[in-house]
Amino acid sequence: MQRQGITYQNLTKDSKGFTLIELLVVIAIIGILVAIILASLSSSRLKSADAGIQSELLHARNQIELYYAANGNYGTALFTAGQCNATTTGTVFKNDTKVQAILNNAGYISNGTDLTRGNCVLTGTSIATSWAISMPLKTNSIYFWCVDSIGASRQVQPSGGDLGFSGGACK
């Protein structure tokens, strides 16, 4: 049959092409694959954030030790552990702007804002002789990454209000 220069053919069962069902099945398979990929990317992002927290705290350790080398101490001892951004003047956490920047960056990686969940402590009688820092991890926030002045760098689980360290050292 012809109509204004266009030829129409009768469609038979031998026609080439995809049915609606076939197209829907392919789209469903693609959707499942995308969901699997997105789930694995999310997990990778969290693990990457944990690596960032660990790296920042190791960087903080180096900067704190540079402060010690320049000043001969870590500053005034804090008798109660607490948030790194709420420490008193006269400490390495407050006096050294590089340490503050590193810890704020670690806090941002950890919880998206600042050090509201990161913890610091300086121990000693009046002058601090040891320190420890703990920061919650992204993959599971019940675990913290802890670094201290004696060289520990490990995952800890705070319990009983210990913030992940005992005295001036990681648990």
N, C-alpha and C. Protein backbone atom coordinates (compact mmCIF):
# COMPACT_ATOMS: atom_id res chain seq x y z
N MET A 1 0.84 -1.16 0.00
CA MET A 1 0.00 0.00 0.00
C MET A 1 0.89 1.23 0.00
N GLN A 2 0.58 2.20 -0.84
CA GLN A 2 1.36 3.42 -0.93
C GLN A 2 0.47 4.61 -0.67
N ARG A 3 1.09 5.58 0.02
CA ARG A 3 0.33 6.78 0.29
C ARG A 3 1.27 7.96 0.26
N GLN A 4 1.10 8.84 -0.63
CA GLN A 4 1.90 10.04 -0.84
C GLN A 4 3.39 9.73 -0.78
N GLY A 5 3.84 8.77 -1.49
CA GLY A 5 5.25 8.45 -1.62
C GLY A 5 5.82 7.61 -0.49
N ILE A 6 5.03 7.23 0.51
CA ILE A 6 5.51 6.41 1.60
C ILE A 6 4.97 5.01 1.41
N THR A 7 5.85 4.03 1.53
CA THR A 7 5.45 2.64 1.36
C THR A 7 5.24 2.04 2.75
N TYR A 8 4.10 1.44 2.97
CA TYR A 8 3.80 0.75 4.21
C TYR A 8 3.82 -0.74 3.94
N GLN A 9 4.45 -1.47 4.83
CA GLN A 9 4.45 -2.92 4.68
C GLN A 9 3.66 -3.51 5.83
N ASN A 10 3.10 -4.64 5.58
CA ASN A 10 2.39 -5.33 6.65
C ASN A 10 3.41 -5.89 7.64
N LEU A 11 3.19 -5.62 8.92
CA LEU A 11 4.08 -6.16 9.93
C LEU A 11 3.70 -7.61 10.20
N THR A 12 4.70 -8.45 10.25
CA THR A 12 4.45 -9.87 10.52
C THR A 12 5.20 -10.25 11.78
N LYS A 13 5.07 -11.49 12.19
CA LYS A 13 5.77 -11.98 13.37
C LYS A 13 7.27 -12.01 13.16
N ASP A 14 7.71 -11.96 11.95
CA ASP A 14 9.14 -11.98 11.65
C ASP A 14 9.76 -10.58 11.70
N SER A 15 9.01 -9.57 12.13
CA SER A 15 9.52 -8.19 12.17
C SER A 15 10.67 -8.09 13.17
N LYS A 16 11.62 -7.24 12.85
CA LYS A 16 12.77 -7.01 13.73
C LYS A 16 12.38 -5.92 14.73
N GLY A 17 13.00 -5.97 15.97
CA GLY A 17 12.76 -4.95 16.98
C GLY A 17 12.55 -5.58 18.35
N PHE A 18 12.42 -4.73 19.34
CA PHE A 18 12.26 -5.20 20.71
C PHE A 18 10.82 -4.98 21.15
N THR A 19 10.34 -5.87 21.99
CA THR A 19 9.01 -5.69 22.55
C THR A 19 9.12 -4.82 23.80
N LEU A 20 8.01 -4.33 24.25
CA LEU A 20 7.99 -3.50 25.45
C LEU A 20 8.50 -4.29 26.65
N ILE A 21 8.15 -5.54 26.77
CA ILE A 21 8.59 -6.40 27.88
C ILE A 21 10.12 -6.52 27.88
N GLU A 22 10.69 -6.75 26.72
CA GLU A 22 12.14 -6.89 26.61
C GLU A 22 12.84 -5.60 27.06
N LEU A 23 12.32 -4.47 26.62
CA LEU A 23 12.91 -3.19 27.02
C LEU A 23 12.80 -2.96 28.53
N LEU A 24 11.66 -3.31 29.12
CA LEU A 24 11.49 -3.16 30.56
C LEU A 24 12.43 -4.05 31.35
N VAL A 25 12.67 -5.27 30.87
CA VAL A 25 13.60 -6.18 31.54
C VAL A 25 15.02 -5.61 31.49
N VAL A 26 15.44 -5.09 30.36
CA VAL A 26 16.77 -4.50 30.24
C VAL A 26 16.90 -3.30 31.16
N ILE A 27 15.89 -2.45 31.22
CA ILE A 27 15.92 -1.27 32.10
C ILE A 27 15.99 -1.71 33.56
N ALA A 28 15.26 -2.75 33.94
CA ALA A 28 15.30 -3.26 35.31
C ALA A 28 16.68 -3.78 35.67
N ILE A 29 17.31 -4.50 34.75
CA ILE A 29 18.66 -5.03 34.99
C ILE A 29 19.65 -3.88 35.16
N ILE A 30 19.54 -2.87 34.33
CA ILE A 30 20.43 -1.71 34.44
C ILE A 30 20.20 -1.01 35.78
N GLY A 31 18.97 -0.90 36.21
CA GLY A 31 18.66 -0.28 37.50
C GLY A 31 19.27 -1.03 38.66
N ILE A 32 19.21 -2.35 38.62
CA ILE A 32 19.81 -3.18 39.68
C ILE A 32 21.32 -2.98 39.71
N LEU A 33 21.95 -2.96 38.55
CA LEU A 33 23.40 -2.76 38.49
C LEU A 33 23.80 -1.38 39.03
N VAL A 34 23.03 -0.37 38.70
CA VAL A 34 23.31 0.98 39.20
C VAL A 34 23.18 1.01 40.73
N ALA A 35 22.17 0.35 41.28
CA ALA A 35 21.98 0.32 42.73
C ALA A 35 23.17 -0.35 43.42
N ILE A 36 23.67 -1.42 42.85
CA ILE A 36 24.83 -2.12 43.42
C ILE A 36 26.05 -1.22 43.39
N ILE A 37 26.27 -0.54 42.28
CA ILE A 37 27.42 0.35 42.15
C ILE A 37 27.33 1.51 43.14
N LEU A 38 26.15 2.10 43.28
CA LEU A 38 26.00 3.22 44.22
C LEU A 38 26.23 2.78 45.66
N ALA A 39 25.78 1.58 46.01
CA ALA A 39 26.01 1.07 47.36
C ALA A 39 27.50 0.89 47.64
N SER A 40 28.23 0.37 46.67
CA SER A 40 29.66 0.17 46.89
C SER A 40 30.40 1.51 46.91
N LEU A 41 29.94 2.50 46.15
CA LEU A 41 30.56 3.83 46.18
C LEU A 41 30.35 4.50 47.53
N SER A 42 29.18 4.31 48.11
CA SER A 42 28.89 4.90 49.41
C SER A 42 29.84 4.33 50.46
N SER A 43 30.04 3.02 50.43
CA SER A 43 30.95 2.38 51.36
C SER A 43 32.38 2.89 51.14
N SER A 44 32.77 3.05 49.90
CA SER A 44 34.10 3.55 49.59
C SER A 44 34.29 4.98 50.09
N ARG A 45 33.25 5.79 50.00
CA ARG A 45 33.33 7.17 50.50
C ARG A 45 33.58 7.20 52.00
N LEU A 46 32.87 6.33 52.74
CA LEU A 46 33.05 6.29 54.18
C LEU A 46 34.45 5.83 54.55
N LYS A 47 34.95 4.82 53.84
CA LYS A 47 36.31 4.34 54.11
C LYS A 47 37.33 5.40 53.76
N SER A 48 37.08 6.15 52.72
CA SER A 48 37.96 7.25 52.34
C SER A 48 37.96 8.33 53.42
N ALA A 49 36.80 8.62 53.97
CA ALA A 49 36.71 9.61 55.05
C ALA A 49 37.50 9.13 56.27
N ASP A 50 37.39 7.85 56.61
CA ASP A 50 38.16 7.30 57.72
C ASP A 50 39.66 7.47 57.48
N ALA A 51 40.10 7.20 56.27
CA ALA A 51 41.52 7.37 55.93
C ALA A 51 41.92 8.84 56.07
N GLY A 52 41.03 9.76 55.70
CA GLY A 52 41.30 11.18 55.85
C GLY A 52 41.43 11.58 57.31
N ILE A 53 40.57 11.05 58.17
CA ILE A 53 40.64 11.34 59.60
C ILE A 53 41.96 10.83 60.16
N GLN A 54 42.33 9.60 59.80
CA GLN A 54 43.58 9.02 60.29
C GLN A 54 44.77 9.86 59.82
N SER A 55 44.76 10.27 58.58
CA SER A 55 45.85 11.07 58.04
C SER A 55 45.96 12.42 58.74
N GLU A 56 44.82 13.08 58.96
CA GLU A 56 44.83 14.38 59.64
C GLU A 56 45.36 14.26 61.07
N LEU A 57 44.97 13.20 61.77
CA LEU A 57 45.44 13.05 63.14
C LEU A 57 46.93 12.73 63.19
N LEU A 58 47.43 11.98 62.21
CA LEU A 58 48.88 11.75 62.14
C LEU A 58 49.61 13.05 61.85
N HIS A 59 49.03 13.87 60.99
CA HIS A 59 49.59 15.18 60.69
C HIS A 59 49.58 16.05 61.96
N ALA A 60 48.50 15.95 62.72
CA ALA A 60 48.42 16.70 63.99
C ALA A 60 49.53 16.27 64.93
N ARG A 61 49.79 14.96 65.00
CA ARG A 61 50.87 14.47 65.87
C ARG A 61 52.19 15.13 65.50
N ASN A 62 52.49 15.16 64.20
CA ASN A 62 53.75 15.77 63.76
C ASN A 62 53.82 17.25 64.14
N GLN A 63 52.73 17.97 63.94
CA GLN A 63 52.71 19.40 64.26
C GLN A 63 52.82 19.63 65.77
N ILE A 64 52.18 18.78 66.56
CA ILE A 64 52.27 18.91 68.02
C ILE A 64 53.71 18.68 68.48
N GLU A 65 54.37 17.71 67.88
CA GLU A 65 55.76 17.44 68.26
C GLU A 65 56.69 18.58 67.82
N LEU A 66 56.38 19.24 66.70
CA LEU A 66 57.14 20.43 66.31
C LEU A 66 56.94 21.55 67.33
N TYR A 67 55.71 21.68 67.83
CA TYR A 67 55.42 22.67 68.88
C TYR A 67 56.25 22.35 70.12
N TYR A 68 56.30 21.07 70.49
CA TYR A 68 57.08 20.65 71.65
C TYR A 68 58.56 20.97 71.46
N ALA A 69 59.09 20.69 70.26
CA ALA A 69 60.50 20.96 69.98
C ALA A 69 60.80 22.46 70.10
N ALA A 70 59.87 23.31 69.70
CA ALA A 70 60.08 24.75 69.75
C ALA A 70 59.88 25.33 71.15
N ASN A 71 58.98 24.73 71.94
CA ASN A 71 58.60 25.30 73.24
C ASN A 71 59.07 24.50 74.45
N GLY A 72 59.49 23.27 74.24
CA GLY A 72 59.95 22.44 75.35
C GLY A 72 58.83 21.81 76.17
N ASN A 73 57.58 22.03 75.77
CA ASN A 73 56.44 21.41 76.46
C ASN A 73 55.21 21.49 75.57
N TYR A 74 54.12 20.87 76.03
CA TYR A 74 52.86 20.89 75.28
C TYR A 74 51.92 21.97 75.78
N GLY A 75 52.35 22.72 76.77
CA GLY A 75 51.51 23.77 77.33
C GLY A 75 50.98 23.38 78.69
N THR A 76 49.98 24.11 79.13
CA THR A 76 49.35 23.86 80.42
C THR A 76 48.60 22.54 80.39
N ALA A 77 48.73 21.78 81.47
CA ALA A 77 48.01 20.50 81.55
C ALA A 77 46.52 20.76 81.77
N LEU A 78 45.70 20.00 81.07
CA LEU A 78 44.25 20.07 81.26
C LEU A 78 43.86 18.89 82.14
N PHE A 79 43.19 19.16 83.21
CA PHE A 79 42.87 18.08 84.13
C PHE A 79 41.61 17.34 83.72
N THR A 80 40.84 17.89 82.80
CA THR A 80 39.69 17.17 82.27
C THR A 80 39.80 17.15 80.75
N ALA A 81 39.54 16.00 80.20
CA ALA A 81 39.56 15.87 78.74
C ALA A 81 38.28 16.47 78.17
N GLY A 82 38.36 16.94 76.96
CA GLY A 82 37.17 17.50 76.35
C GLY A 82 37.38 17.82 74.89
N GLN A 83 36.48 18.59 74.35
CA GLN A 83 36.56 18.94 72.94
C GLN A 83 37.81 19.75 72.66
N CYS A 84 38.46 19.43 71.56
CA CYS A 84 39.71 20.11 71.21
C CYS A 84 39.52 21.60 70.99
N ASN A 85 38.36 22.02 70.53
CA ASN A 85 38.14 23.44 70.27
C ASN A 85 37.69 24.20 71.51
N ALA A 86 37.57 23.50 72.64
CA ALA A 86 37.11 24.16 73.86
C ALA A 86 38.21 24.15 74.93
N THR A 87 39.45 23.90 74.53
CA THR A 87 40.53 23.84 75.51
C THR A 87 40.96 25.24 75.93
N THR A 88 41.63 25.32 77.05
CA THR A 88 42.03 26.63 77.58
C THR A 88 43.29 27.15 76.90
N THR A 89 43.47 28.46 76.97
CA THR A 89 44.66 29.10 76.43
C THR A 89 45.88 28.56 77.17
N GLY A 90 46.98 28.50 76.46
CA GLY A 90 48.22 28.01 77.06
C GLY A 90 48.49 26.56 76.71
N THR A 91 47.69 25.99 75.83
CA THR A 91 47.90 24.60 75.41
C THR A 91 48.27 24.57 73.94
N VAL A 92 48.89 23.48 73.54
CA VAL A 92 49.25 23.31 72.14
C VAL A 92 47.99 23.32 71.26
N PHE A 93 46.87 22.86 71.79
CA PHE A 93 45.63 22.81 71.00
C PHE A 93 45.05 24.20 70.76
N LYS A 94 45.35 25.14 71.64
CA LYS A 94 44.82 26.49 71.50
C LYS A 94 45.85 27.46 70.92
N ASN A 95 47.12 27.30 71.29
CA ASN A 95 48.15 28.26 70.89
C ASN A 95 48.67 28.06 69.47
N ASP A 96 48.68 26.84 68.99
CA ASP A 96 49.25 26.56 67.67
C ASP A 96 48.14 26.57 66.63
N THR A 97 48.13 27.58 65.78
CA THR A 97 47.06 27.71 64.78
C THR A 97 47.10 26.57 63.75
N LYS A 98 48.28 26.02 63.49
CA LYS A 98 48.37 24.89 62.55
C LYS A 98 47.70 23.67 63.13
N VAL A 99 47.92 23.42 64.42
CA VAL A 99 47.25 22.29 65.08
C VAL A 99 45.74 22.50 65.04
N GLN A 100 45.29 23.72 65.34
CA GLN A 100 43.85 24.01 65.29
C GLN A 100 43.28 23.73 63.90
N ALA A 101 43.97 24.17 62.86
CA ALA A 101 43.48 23.97 61.49
C ALA A 101 43.41 22.49 61.14
N ILE A 102 44.43 21.73 61.54
CA ILE A 102 44.45 20.30 61.25
C ILE A 102 43.30 19.61 61.97
N LEU A 103 43.11 19.92 63.24
CA LEU A 103 42.04 19.29 64.01
C LEU A 103 40.66 19.70 63.51
N ASN A 104 40.51 20.95 63.11
CA ASN A 104 39.23 21.36 62.53
C ASN A 104 38.95 20.63 61.23
N ASN A 105 39.98 20.42 60.42
CA ASN A 105 39.80 19.67 59.18
C ASN A 105 39.41 18.22 59.47
N ALA A 106 40.06 17.61 60.46
CA ALA A 106 39.70 16.24 60.85
C ALA A 106 38.26 16.19 61.34
N GLY A 107 37.85 17.20 62.11
CA GLY A 107 36.48 17.26 62.59
C GLY A 107 35.49 17.43 61.46
N TYR A 108 35.86 18.23 60.47
CA TYR A 108 34.98 18.41 59.32
C TYR A 108 34.81 17.09 58.56
N ILE A 109 35.90 16.36 58.38
CA ILE A 109 35.81 15.05 57.71
C ILE A 109 34.94 14.11 58.53
N SER A 110 35.09 14.15 59.85
CA SER A 110 34.39 13.22 60.73
C SER A 110 32.89 13.48 60.79
N ASN A 111 32.50 14.75 60.98
CA ASN A 111 31.07 14.99 61.18
C ASN A 111 30.51 16.14 60.36
N GLY A 112 31.30 16.69 59.44
CA GLY A 112 30.78 17.71 58.54
C GLY A 112 30.75 19.12 59.08
N THR A 113 31.15 19.33 60.33
CA THR A 113 31.15 20.69 60.85
C THR A 113 32.50 21.05 61.47
N ASP A 114 32.73 20.63 62.69
CA ASP A 114 33.96 20.99 63.37
C ASP A 114 34.31 19.90 64.37
N LEU A 115 34.94 20.28 65.46
CA LEU A 115 35.38 19.29 66.44
C LEU A 115 34.36 19.02 67.54
N THR A 116 33.10 19.08 67.24
CA THR A 116 32.10 18.88 68.29
C THR A 116 32.12 17.46 68.86
N ARG A 117 32.76 16.52 68.17
CA ARG A 117 32.87 15.18 68.74
C ARG A 117 34.32 14.72 68.87
N GLY A 118 35.27 15.54 68.47
CA GLY A 118 36.67 15.20 68.65
C GLY A 118 37.09 15.54 70.07
N ASN A 119 38.01 14.77 70.63
CA ASN A 119 38.41 14.95 72.02
C ASN A 119 39.91 15.06 72.15
N CYS A 120 40.35 15.89 73.09
CA CYS A 120 41.77 16.09 73.36
C CYS A 120 42.00 16.04 74.86
N VAL A 121 43.22 15.66 75.24
CA VAL A 121 43.61 15.71 76.64
C VAL A 121 45.11 16.00 76.71
N LEU A 122 45.50 16.77 77.71
CA LEU A 122 46.90 17.01 78.05
C LEU A 122 47.05 16.62 79.51
N THR A 123 48.04 15.79 79.81
CA THR A 123 48.21 15.35 81.20
C THR A 123 49.57 15.77 81.71
N GLY A 124 49.66 15.91 83.02
CA GLY A 124 50.87 16.32 83.72
C GLY A 124 50.44 17.06 84.97
N THR A 125 51.39 17.55 85.72
CA THR A 125 51.01 18.27 86.94
C THR A 125 50.55 19.69 86.62
N SER A 126 51.44 20.54 86.19
CA SER A 126 51.01 21.87 85.75
C SER A 126 51.38 22.08 84.29
N ILE A 127 52.51 21.50 83.87
CA ILE A 127 52.91 21.53 82.47
C ILE A 127 52.62 20.16 81.87
N ALA A 128 52.02 20.15 80.71
CA ALA A 128 51.63 18.88 80.08
C ALA A 128 52.86 18.10 79.64
N THR A 129 52.84 16.82 79.96
CA THR A 129 53.93 15.93 79.55
C THR A 129 53.46 14.88 78.55
N SER A 130 52.16 14.75 78.37
CA SER A 130 51.63 13.81 77.38
C SER A 130 50.29 14.32 76.88
N TRP A 131 49.87 13.80 75.74
CA TRP A 131 48.62 14.23 75.13
C TRP A 131 47.99 13.07 74.36
N ALA A 132 46.72 13.18 74.07
CA ALA A 132 46.01 12.22 73.22
C ALA A 132 44.85 12.93 72.54
N ILE A 133 44.52 12.46 71.34
CA ILE A 133 43.41 13.00 70.57
C ILE A 133 42.60 11.82 70.05
N SER A 134 41.28 11.90 70.12
CA SER A 134 40.43 10.87 69.52
C SER A 134 39.34 11.55 68.68
N MET A 135 38.98 10.89 67.58
CA MET A 135 38.00 11.44 66.64
C MET A 135 37.12 10.30 66.14
N PRO A 136 35.78 10.49 66.10
CA PRO A 136 34.91 9.42 65.61
C PRO A 136 35.14 9.13 64.13
N LEU A 137 35.05 7.84 63.79
CA LEU A 137 35.19 7.41 62.40
C LEU A 137 33.85 7.47 61.68
N LYS A 138 33.88 7.60 60.37
CA LYS A 138 32.65 7.70 59.58
C LYS A 138 31.97 6.35 59.36
N THR A 139 32.76 5.28 59.18
CA THR A 139 32.14 3.99 58.87
C THR A 139 31.29 3.49 60.03
N ASN A 140 31.71 3.77 61.26
CA ASN A 140 30.95 3.38 62.44
C ASN A 140 31.34 4.32 63.56
N SER A 141 30.45 5.24 63.92
CA SER A 141 30.80 6.31 64.85
C SER A 141 30.96 5.85 66.29
N ILE A 142 30.75 4.57 66.60
CA ILE A 142 31.06 4.11 67.96
C ILE A 142 32.56 3.87 68.11
N TYR A 143 33.27 3.80 66.97
CA TYR A 143 34.72 3.65 67.00
C TYR A 143 35.38 4.99 66.73
N PHE A 144 36.48 5.23 67.42
CA PHE A 144 37.23 6.47 67.27
C PHE A 144 38.64 6.12 66.82
N TRP A 145 39.29 7.05 66.12
CA TRP A 145 40.71 6.91 65.82
C TRP A 145 41.45 7.73 66.86
N CYS A 146 42.45 7.15 67.48
CA CYS A 146 43.17 7.81 68.56
C CYS A 146 44.66 7.87 68.24
N VAL A 147 45.26 9.01 68.49
CA VAL A 147 46.72 9.18 68.41
C VAL A 147 47.17 9.81 69.72
N ASP A 148 48.42 9.52 70.10
CA ASP A 148 48.91 10.09 71.35
C ASP A 148 50.40 10.40 71.28
N SER A 149 50.92 10.95 72.36
CA SER A 149 52.31 11.40 72.40
C SER A 149 53.31 10.25 72.50
N ILE A 150 52.87 9.05 72.82
CA ILE A 150 53.82 7.93 72.90
C ILE A 150 53.87 7.13 71.61
N GLY A 151 53.17 7.60 70.57
CA GLY A 151 53.28 6.98 69.25
C GLY A 151 52.14 6.06 68.85
N ALA A 152 51.14 5.89 69.71
CA ALA A 152 50.01 5.03 69.35
C ALA A 152 49.16 5.72 68.28
N SER A 153 48.64 4.91 67.41
CA SER A 153 47.72 5.38 66.38
C SER A 153 46.82 4.20 66.04
N ARG A 154 45.63 4.17 66.63
CA ARG A 154 44.79 2.99 66.47
C ARG A 154 43.31 3.31 66.68
N GLN A 155 42.49 2.33 66.26
CA GLN A 155 41.05 2.42 66.45
C GLN A 155 40.74 2.01 67.89
N VAL A 156 39.90 2.79 68.54
CA VAL A 156 39.48 2.49 69.91
C VAL A 156 37.97 2.61 70.01
N GLN A 157 37.43 2.02 71.06
CA GLN A 157 36.00 2.16 71.32
C GLN A 157 35.83 2.77 72.71
N PRO A 158 35.46 4.06 72.75
CA PRO A 158 35.26 4.69 74.06
C PRO A 158 34.18 3.98 74.86
N SER A 159 34.40 3.90 76.17
CA SER A 159 33.39 3.31 77.04
C SER A 159 33.50 3.94 78.42
N GLY A 160 32.40 4.06 79.07
CA GLY A 160 32.39 4.61 80.42
C GLY A 160 32.89 6.04 80.51
N GLY A 161 32.75 6.80 79.44
CA GLY A 161 33.15 8.20 79.45
C GLY A 161 34.64 8.43 79.29
N ASP A 162 35.41 7.44 78.82
CA ASP A 162 36.86 7.60 78.71
C ASP A 162 37.31 8.30 77.43
N LEU A 163 36.42 8.56 76.48
CA LEU A 163 36.70 9.30 75.24
C LEU A 163 37.72 8.63 74.33
N GLY A 164 38.07 7.38 74.60
CA GLY A 164 39.01 6.66 73.74
C GLY A 164 40.43 6.67 74.24
N PHE A 165 40.70 7.38 75.34
CA PHE A 165 42.04 7.37 75.91
C PHE A 165 41.96 7.28 77.40
N SER A 166 43.07 6.82 77.98
CA SER A 166 43.18 6.71 79.42
C SER A 166 44.38 7.56 79.84
N GLY A 167 44.13 8.59 80.62
CA GLY A 167 45.20 9.54 80.93
C GLY A 167 45.60 10.26 79.65
N GLY A 168 46.89 10.24 79.34
CA GLY A 168 47.37 10.91 78.14
C GLY A 168 47.74 9.92 77.05
N ALA A 169 47.11 8.74 77.04
CA ALA A 169 47.45 7.73 76.03
C ALA A 169 46.18 7.04 75.52
N CYS A 170 46.25 6.56 74.29
CA CYS A 170 45.13 5.83 73.71
C CYS A 170 44.91 4.53 74.47
N LYS A 171 43.67 4.07 74.56
CA LYS A 171 43.35 2.81 75.25
C LYS A 171 44.00 1.65 74.53
